[in-house]
Amino acid sequence: MKIFKYALILMASITVYAQETTEEKWTSNRPDGHAPISVMADHTHNKGDWMFSYRFMTMNMNSLKQGSDDATSQTVFDEGYAISPENMSMNMHMLGLMYAPSNKITLMAMTNYTSMSMDLVTGTGVNFSTESFGFGDLKISGLYKFLNNKRQSLHGQLGFSIPTGSIDEMDVTPASSPDEVQLPYPMQIGSGTFDIDLGLTYLKQYKTIGLGSQLKATLRTGENDRSYTFGNKYSLNNWLSYKTTEWLSFSARVEGLYVDEISGADEDLTPMMVTTADTTNSGGTYINSGIGFNTYIRNGAFKNLRFGFEYSFPLYQNLNGIQLETSNSLNFGAQYSL
């Protein structure tokens, strides 16, 4: 894929260009020693170190797109669908654990609890909502540090996603009342498949400026119990941080993201009932951005405690078929190392 080729060239260029004469190592002991809070697997630890983290993310999707063009519910009905989504919100609580058994290897585990709500309207003007919530898929990874010198670091990620999240979420709709029916793909909590996470992260530090670039892929394996597979994901995330004090830094981030369509289909879903039940309305190309800050406590009773915040918003979205577009998201969290 072109995005992967360009990403590899970019990361190789950064590695060659960002050289300094100093032999100092890249360090996490500064506020920009971690990436923006929305970025996962961004750093490694030294032997014997532990880190506990909590993150909260809320995302809003408030309007429709057909490809890269704005769309409306009438667009959906003109295409022959009986129901149109109007907006969707998602809240996710994430708990993470990192441990370094050696200076080269850091182990990582993460789980999440997700709640989602979608407002919809029928072709006859009936408004209704559906909801789902529960624990998502469990992710475990190993990070391997390839280099750490001249204030730059490079590490790789190999991870696996274990399908502990539900793909059987149900709710009541006007057509099914009072019975519950299977909810469409975006309202499911997990993937239902064992997935592979691959990543490569480059970090560079100057006196007050930090740079980061992360290439990632999520590769789905097999088909889940409901006869479909979510699309693979490929992303290139880049961020720039500025350290204003020993405890505060600000950041800006740009991400290119490509998501494949869902393959297969859930036999309990009727594609023309609602756009979210039609797999042709899945996946797309995105350019996302974010601005935020990190804080870091260096001394005292709360030494090595961090807080991070980021506001994210899209710069470009070209969606397959008709889908709700992402409007914005907020990410904040705390990280504690010992």
Protein backbone atom coordinates (compact mmCIF):
# COMPACT_ATOMS: atom_id res chain seq x y z
CA MET A 1 0.00 0.00 0.00
CA LYS A 2 1.19 3.53 -0.82
CA ILE A 3 0.66 4.86 2.71
CA PHE A 4 2.99 2.16 4.07
CA LYS A 5 5.69 2.86 1.47
CA TYR A 6 5.59 6.59 2.14
CA ALA A 7 5.64 5.97 5.89
CA LEU A 8 8.73 3.77 5.72
CA ILE A 9 10.56 6.35 3.58
CA LEU A 10 9.59 9.12 6.02
CA MET A 11 10.75 7.23 9.10
CA ALA A 12 14.03 6.26 7.46
CA SER A 13 14.61 9.90 6.49
CA ILE A 14 13.90 11.12 10.02
CA THR A 15 16.33 8.60 11.49
CA VAL A 16 19.13 9.69 9.17
CA TYR A 17 18.44 13.43 9.49
CA ALA A 18 17.91 13.75 13.24
CA GLN A 19 21.48 13.18 14.41
CA GLU A 20 23.39 15.11 17.09
CA THR A 21 26.97 14.98 18.28
CA THR A 22 25.93 14.38 21.90
CA GLU A 23 25.87 10.81 23.13
CA GLU A 24 23.05 11.47 25.59
CA LYS A 25 20.18 9.01 25.50
CA TRP A 26 16.55 9.77 24.85
CA THR A 27 14.76 10.04 28.22
CA SER A 28 11.19 9.86 29.45
CA ASN A 29 12.02 12.03 32.50
CA ARG A 30 10.54 15.19 31.03
CA PRO A 31 6.92 16.20 30.30
CA ASP A 32 7.26 15.42 26.59
CA GLY A 33 8.92 12.08 27.38
CA HIS A 34 5.57 10.49 26.50
CA ALA A 35 3.58 11.05 23.32
CA PRO A 36 0.19 12.79 23.31
CA ILE A 37 -2.17 10.81 25.55
CA SER A 38 -4.12 9.39 22.58
CA VAL A 39 -1.03 7.53 21.27
CA MET A 40 -0.44 4.00 22.57
CA ALA A 41 2.81 1.99 22.76
CA ASP A 42 4.78 5.19 22.28
CA HIS A 43 7.66 4.52 24.71
CA THR A 44 9.61 1.77 26.49
CA HIS A 45 10.91 1.42 30.07
CA ASN A 46 14.14 0.44 31.79
CA LYS A 47 14.61 -2.95 33.44
CA GLY A 48 12.35 -3.46 36.47
CA ASP A 49 10.13 -0.44 35.79
CA TRP A 50 6.34 -0.61 36.04
CA MET A 51 3.75 1.82 34.72
CA PHE A 52 0.02 1.97 35.43
CA SER A 53 -2.26 4.10 33.29
CA TYR A 54 -5.86 5.23 33.02
CA ARG A 55 -7.24 6.95 29.94
CA PHE A 56 -10.69 8.26 29.10
CA MET A 57 -11.80 8.99 25.56
CA THR A 58 -15.10 10.46 24.38
CA MET A 59 -15.90 10.70 20.66
CA ASN A 60 -18.77 12.37 18.82
CA MET A 61 -20.09 11.70 15.31
CA ASN A 62 -22.71 14.29 14.40
CA SER A 63 -23.28 14.25 10.63
CA LEU A 64 -23.21 12.05 7.54
CA LYS A 65 -20.79 11.83 4.64
CA GLN A 66 -20.98 10.01 1.32
CA GLY A 67 -17.39 9.63 0.28
CA SER A 68 -15.86 13.03 1.03
CA ASP A 69 -19.12 14.94 0.45
CA ASP A 70 -21.63 15.99 3.07
CA ALA A 71 -24.83 13.92 3.17
CA THR A 72 -28.17 13.95 4.97
CA SER A 73 -30.79 11.46 6.08
CA GLN A 74 -32.63 12.15 2.83
CA THR A 75 -29.52 10.96 0.96
CA VAL A 76 -29.79 7.69 2.89
CA PHE A 77 -33.49 7.26 2.05
CA ASP A 78 -32.86 8.09 -1.62
CA GLU A 79 -30.37 5.20 -1.69
CA GLY A 80 -33.16 2.84 -0.57
CA TYR A 81 -32.36 2.40 3.13
CA ALA A 82 -35.27 2.32 5.61
CA ILE A 83 -33.38 3.92 8.54
CA SER A 84 -30.70 6.58 8.76
CA PRO A 85 -28.24 7.20 11.62
CA GLU A 86 -28.16 10.82 12.80
CA ASN A 87 -25.41 10.90 15.41
CA MET A 88 -23.35 8.61 17.63
CA SER A 89 -21.33 9.04 20.80
CA MET A 90 -18.79 6.72 22.38
CA ASN A 91 -17.12 6.78 25.80
CA MET A 92 -14.16 4.51 26.54
CA HIS A 93 -12.30 3.90 29.81
CA MET A 94 -8.89 2.28 29.27
CA LEU A 95 -6.68 0.62 31.86
CA GLY A 96 -3.06 -0.15 30.97
CA LEU A 97 -0.08 -1.90 32.52
CA MET A 98 3.56 -1.87 31.37
CA TYR A 99 6.53 -3.80 32.79
CA ALA A 100 10.13 -4.03 31.56
CA PRO A 101 11.84 -7.37 32.32
CA SER A 102 14.98 -6.01 30.62
CA ASN A 103 16.32 -2.79 29.14
CA LYS A 104 15.43 -4.04 25.67
CA ILE A 105 11.95 -5.47 26.24
CA THR A 106 8.82 -3.85 27.65
CA LEU A 107 5.59 -5.81 28.06
CA MET A 108 2.21 -4.11 27.81
CA ALA A 109 -1.43 -5.05 28.47
CA MET A 110 -4.57 -2.97 28.02
CA THR A 111 -8.30 -3.45 28.48
CA ASN A 112 -11.23 -1.08 28.07
CA TYR A 113 -14.84 -0.53 29.02
CA THR A 114 -16.91 1.05 26.24
CA SER A 115 -20.39 2.55 26.08
CA MET A 116 -22.02 3.70 22.83
CA SER A 117 -25.25 5.40 21.88
CA MET A 118 -26.68 6.06 18.40
CA ASP A 119 -29.68 8.22 17.43
CA LEU A 120 -31.55 7.17 14.28
CA VAL A 121 -34.61 8.16 12.25
CA THR A 122 -36.87 6.06 10.04
CA GLY A 123 -38.11 7.06 6.60
CA THR A 124 -41.49 7.81 8.19
CA GLY A 125 -39.96 10.25 10.66
CA VAL A 126 -39.81 8.08 13.80
CA ASN A 127 -36.81 8.89 16.00
CA PHE A 128 -35.23 6.29 18.28
CA SER A 129 -31.93 5.37 19.96
CA THR A 130 -29.90 2.22 20.52
CA GLU A 131 -27.20 1.59 23.13
CA SER A 132 -24.48 -0.94 23.89
CA PHE A 133 -21.81 -1.22 26.57
CA GLY A 134 -19.30 -3.66 28.03
CA PHE A 135 -15.65 -4.65 28.28
CA GLY A 136 -13.77 -4.69 24.99
CA ASP A 137 -10.99 -6.85 23.58
CA LEU A 138 -7.87 -7.48 25.68
CA LYS A 139 -4.62 -6.31 24.05
CA ILE A 140 -1.17 -7.60 24.98
CA SER A 141 2.10 -6.52 23.35
CA GLY A 142 5.84 -6.73 23.52
CA LEU A 143 7.96 -3.66 22.71
CA TYR A 144 11.58 -4.15 21.64
CA LYS A 145 14.07 -1.26 21.82
CA PHE A 146 16.34 -1.22 18.77
CA LEU A 147 18.31 1.89 19.68
CA ASN A 148 18.61 4.63 22.28
CA ASN A 149 21.45 7.08 21.74
CA LYS A 150 22.12 10.59 20.47
CA ARG A 151 18.79 11.59 22.05
CA GLN A 152 16.82 9.34 19.75
CA SER A 153 15.00 6.08 20.26
CA LEU A 154 13.53 3.45 17.97
CA HIS A 155 11.38 0.52 19.10
CA GLY A 156 9.08 -2.03 17.52
CA GLN A 157 5.79 -3.52 18.67
CA LEU A 158 4.35 -7.00 18.26
CA GLY A 159 0.96 -7.42 19.87
CA PHE A 160 -2.16 -9.52 19.89
CA SER A 161 -5.79 -8.63 20.49
CA ILE A 162 -7.80 -11.31 22.27
CA PRO A 163 -11.54 -11.20 21.40
CA THR A 164 -13.00 -10.76 24.89
CA GLY A 165 -15.42 -8.02 23.73
CA SER A 166 -19.00 -8.87 22.76
CA ILE A 167 -20.17 -9.03 19.14
CA ASP A 168 -23.70 -10.07 20.19
CA GLU A 169 -25.01 -6.70 21.42
CA MET A 170 -28.77 -6.29 20.97
CA ASP A 171 -31.40 -3.59 21.54
CA VAL A 172 -35.02 -2.73 20.75
CA THR A 173 -35.95 -0.88 17.54
CA PRO A 174 -39.37 0.39 16.36
CA ALA A 175 -39.66 -2.56 13.97
CA SER A 176 -38.71 -5.17 16.60
CA SER A 177 -40.49 -3.81 19.71
CA PRO A 178 -40.81 -5.25 22.28
CA ASP A 179 -38.12 -7.75 21.21
CA GLU A 180 -34.41 -7.04 20.90
CA VAL A 181 -32.52 -7.53 17.65
CA GLN A 182 -28.84 -7.76 16.71
CA LEU A 183 -27.21 -4.33 16.51
CA PRO A 184 -25.14 -3.32 13.44
CA TYR A 185 -21.35 -3.45 13.25
CA PRO A 186 -20.42 -0.01 14.68
CA MET A 187 -22.42 -0.74 17.85
CA GLN A 188 -20.54 -3.94 18.71
CA ILE A 189 -17.98 -3.82 21.53
CA GLY A 190 -15.32 -6.24 20.22
CA SER A 191 -13.96 -7.56 16.92
CA GLY A 192 -14.61 -11.26 17.49
CA THR A 193 -11.26 -12.16 15.95
CA PHE A 194 -7.68 -12.63 17.15
CA ASP A 195 -5.88 -9.62 15.67
CA ILE A 196 -2.20 -8.77 15.24
CA ASP A 197 -0.82 -5.33 16.13
CA LEU A 198 2.46 -4.26 14.53
CA GLY A 199 4.23 -0.99 15.17
CA LEU A 200 7.45 0.96 14.75
CA THR A 201 8.03 4.16 16.75
CA TYR A 202 10.83 6.71 16.34
CA LEU A 203 11.44 9.41 18.98
CA LYS A 204 13.82 12.38 18.94
CA GLN A 205 14.56 14.98 21.60
CA TYR A 206 16.16 18.39 21.52
CA LYS A 207 16.54 20.77 24.43
CA THR A 208 12.93 21.97 24.36
CA ILE A 209 11.45 20.14 21.36
CA GLY A 210 10.43 16.52 20.95
CA LEU A 211 9.51 14.67 17.76
CA GLY A 212 7.72 11.37 17.30
CA SER A 213 6.62 9.20 14.39
CA GLN A 214 4.71 5.94 14.72
CA LEU A 215 3.82 3.48 11.98
CA LYS A 216 1.13 0.95 12.98
CA ALA A 217 -0.99 -1.81 11.48
CA THR A 218 -3.84 -3.89 12.91
CA LEU A 219 -4.26 -7.10 10.91
CA ARG A 220 -7.41 -9.17 11.38
CA THR A 221 -7.17 -12.96 11.30
CA GLY A 222 -9.96 -15.28 10.24
CA GLU A 223 -13.69 -14.76 10.57
CA ASN A 224 -15.60 -14.25 13.79
CA ASP A 225 -18.54 -16.33 15.02
CA ARG A 226 -20.98 -14.09 13.15
CA SER A 227 -19.28 -14.68 9.76
CA TYR A 228 -17.57 -11.33 9.21
CA THR A 229 -14.20 -9.66 9.75
CA PHE A 230 -13.55 -6.01 10.51
CA GLY A 231 -11.17 -4.24 8.13
CA ASN A 232 -7.42 -4.00 8.63
CA LYS A 233 -6.10 -0.63 9.85
CA TYR A 234 -2.92 1.15 8.75
CA SER A 235 -1.76 4.44 10.27
CA LEU A 236 1.13 6.88 10.38
CA ASN A 237 1.07 9.17 13.43
CA ASN A 238 3.41 12.15 13.77
CA TRP A 239 3.69 14.60 16.64
CA LEU A 240 5.71 17.62 17.73
CA SER A 241 6.01 18.73 21.35
CA TYR A 242 7.40 21.86 22.99
CA LYS A 243 8.66 21.75 26.59
CA THR A 244 7.82 25.08 28.23
CA THR A 245 8.96 24.11 31.76
CA GLU A 246 10.34 21.05 33.53
CA TRP A 247 6.76 19.94 34.25
CA LEU A 248 4.70 21.10 31.22
CA SER A 249 4.77 20.54 27.46
CA PHE A 250 2.36 21.24 24.59
CA SER A 251 1.86 19.04 21.54
CA ALA A 252 0.43 18.98 18.02
CA ARG A 253 -0.27 15.76 16.12
CA VAL A 254 -1.26 14.68 12.60
CA GLU A 255 -2.30 11.12 11.70
CA GLY A 256 -2.96 9.46 8.37
CA LEU A 257 -5.29 6.45 8.73
CA TYR A 258 -6.60 3.91 6.23
CA VAL A 259 -9.26 1.33 7.20
CA ASP A 260 -10.38 -1.55 4.96
CA GLU A 261 -14.04 -2.47 4.48
CA ILE A 262 -15.66 -5.19 6.57
CA SER A 263 -15.55 -8.53 4.78
CA GLY A 264 -18.29 -11.14 5.10
CA ALA A 265 -21.63 -10.32 6.72
CA ASP A 266 -23.69 -10.98 9.84
CA GLU A 267 -26.64 -13.11 8.71
CA ASP A 268 -28.88 -11.55 11.37
CA LEU A 269 -28.52 -8.09 9.81
CA THR A 270 -30.53 -6.80 6.84
CA PRO A 271 -28.22 -4.50 4.84
CA MET A 272 -30.94 -2.25 3.39
CA MET A 273 -32.61 -1.72 6.77
CA VAL A 274 -29.98 0.81 7.91
CA THR A 275 -26.67 2.02 6.48
CA THR A 276 -24.71 0.70 9.47
CA ALA A 277 -25.86 -2.87 8.66
CA ASP A 278 -24.43 -2.69 5.13
CA THR A 279 -20.72 -3.59 5.01
CA THR A 280 -20.17 -1.42 1.92
CA ASN A 281 -20.59 1.52 4.30
CA SER A 282 -17.43 0.79 6.28
CA GLY A 283 -13.79 1.82 6.17
CA GLY A 284 -12.20 4.82 4.52
CA THR A 285 -9.28 7.24 4.47
CA TYR A 286 -8.75 9.77 7.26
CA ILE A 287 -6.38 12.56 8.19
CA ASN A 288 -6.78 13.36 11.88
CA SER A 289 -5.15 16.00 14.06
CA GLY A 290 -4.84 16.81 17.73
CA ILE A 291 -3.58 19.47 20.11
CA GLY A 292 -2.88 18.91 23.79
CA PHE A 293 -0.53 19.07 26.73
CA ASN A 294 1.36 16.77 29.11
CA THR A 295 2.35 17.42 32.72
CA TYR A 296 5.01 15.55 34.70
CA ILE A 297 5.75 15.60 38.43
CA ARG A 298 9.50 15.18 38.92
CA ASN A 299 9.79 15.24 42.72
CA GLY A 300 7.90 14.72 45.95
CA ALA A 301 5.23 12.26 47.02
CA PHE A 302 3.75 12.10 43.49
CA LYS A 303 7.04 11.72 41.64
CA ASN A 304 6.68 10.17 38.15
CA LEU A 305 2.95 10.91 37.98
CA ARG A 306 1.78 12.28 34.63
CA PHE A 307 -1.41 13.86 33.32
CA GLY A 308 -2.20 14.30 29.65
CA PHE A 309 -4.96 15.93 27.61
CA GLU A 310 -5.66 16.08 23.88
CA TYR A 311 -8.47 17.49 21.73
CA SER A 312 -8.65 15.69 18.38
CA PHE A 313 -10.48 16.65 15.20
CA PRO A 314 -10.48 15.49 11.56
CA LEU A 315 -8.79 17.38 8.73
CA TYR A 316 -10.06 15.08 5.96
CA GLN A 317 -12.40 12.10 5.70
CA ASN A 318 -13.18 10.06 2.59
CA LEU A 319 -15.56 7.33 3.72
CA ASN A 320 -16.68 4.24 1.85
CA GLY A 321 -20.41 4.57 1.08
CA ILE A 322 -22.51 6.59 3.53
CA GLN A 323 -21.30 6.84 7.11
CA LEU A 324 -21.34 9.10 10.13
CA GLU A 325 -18.23 11.29 10.15
CA THR A 326 -16.14 11.86 13.27
CA SER A 327 -16.65 15.38 14.59
CA ASN A 328 -14.19 15.47 17.49
CA SER A 329 -12.84 13.53 20.44
CA LEU A 330 -11.34 14.30 23.84
CA ASN A 331 -8.64 12.18 25.45
CA PHE A 332 -7.25 12.60 28.93
CA GLY A 333 -5.51 10.31 31.38
CA ALA A 334 -3.00 9.67 34.12
CA GLN A 335 0.18 7.57 34.05
CA TYR A 336 2.22 6.52 37.07
CA SER A 337 5.65 4.90 36.90
CA LEU A 338 7.64 3.14 39.63
